[in-house]
Amino acid sequence: MMNLHIEVQRRNLENTLGKLEWLLARSGQANRRYSRAQMEAFSYLRDSFRARLKDINANG
């Protein structure tokens, strides 16, 4: 049961991380539609999700 929970967490983190990476790449191409503060927030979230995914992979 625990392995299933970890796998679901991992999949959710990967999906969210993928969306954040897409958003950052897309916004960089869109002539800066987003403000610098928004871009920094997206980057912070991306890095946070990367760290969480790394922790799950190390512990799982």
Protein backbone atom coordinates (compact mmCIF):
# COMPACT_ATOMS: atom_id res chain seq x y z
CA MET A 1 0.00 0.00 0.00
CA MET A 2 2.84 2.38 0.85
CA ASN A 3 4.53 1.78 -2.51
CA LEU A 4 1.31 2.69 -4.31
CA HIS A 5 1.07 5.91 -2.28
CA ILE A 6 4.68 6.80 -3.11
CA GLU A 7 4.13 6.03 -6.80
CA VAL A 8 1.02 8.24 -6.89
CA GLN A 9 2.95 11.05 -5.18
CA ARG A 10 5.81 10.66 -7.66
CA ARG A 11 3.46 10.74 -10.64
CA ASN A 12 1.67 13.84 -9.33
CA LEU A 13 4.96 15.63 -8.75
CA GLU A 14 6.21 14.70 -12.22
CA ASN A 15 3.00 15.96 -13.81
CA THR A 16 3.09 19.25 -11.92
CA LEU A 17 6.80 19.72 -12.62
CA GLY A 18 6.17 19.12 -16.31
CA LYS A 19 3.47 21.76 -16.34
CA LEU A 20 5.69 24.27 -14.56
CA GLU A 21 8.57 23.62 -16.96
CA TRP A 22 6.23 24.02 -19.92
CA LEU A 23 4.87 27.25 -18.47
CA LEU A 24 8.34 28.68 -17.96
CA ALA A 25 9.47 27.69 -21.45
CA ARG A 26 6.30 29.04 -23.03
CA SER A 27 6.36 32.32 -21.15
CA GLY A 28 9.98 32.86 -22.14
CA GLN A 29 8.94 32.58 -25.79
CA ALA A 30 5.89 34.78 -25.45
CA ASN A 31 7.73 38.11 -25.30
CA ARG A 32 7.56 38.26 -21.53
CA ARG A 33 3.81 38.10 -21.08
CA TYR A 34 4.48 37.45 -17.41
CA SER A 35 6.10 39.85 -14.99
CA ARG A 36 9.50 39.19 -13.49
CA ALA A 37 7.86 38.41 -10.13
CA GLN A 38 5.60 35.80 -11.74
CA MET A 39 8.56 34.20 -13.50
CA GLU A 40 10.48 34.05 -10.23
CA ALA A 41 7.47 32.47 -8.52
CA PHE A 42 7.16 29.86 -11.28
CA SER A 43 10.89 29.13 -11.00
CA TYR A 44 10.64 28.78 -7.23
CA LEU A 45 7.73 26.36 -7.57
CA ARG A 46 9.59 24.36 -10.22
CA ASP A 47 12.66 24.07 -8.01
CA SER A 48 10.52 23.09 -5.04
CA PHE A 49 8.82 20.32 -7.01
CA ARG A 50 12.19 19.12 -8.34
CA ALA A 51 13.51 18.86 -4.77
CA ARG A 52 10.41 16.99 -3.60
CA LEU A 53 10.67 14.57 -6.52
CA LYS A 54 14.36 14.03 -5.80
CA ASP A 55 13.53 13.25 -2.14
CA ILE A 56 10.83 10.76 -3.12
CA ASN A 57 13.16 9.05 -5.58
CA ALA A 58 15.91 8.84 -2.95
CA ASN A 59 13.60 7.54 -0.21
CA GLY A 60 11.25 5.46 -2.37
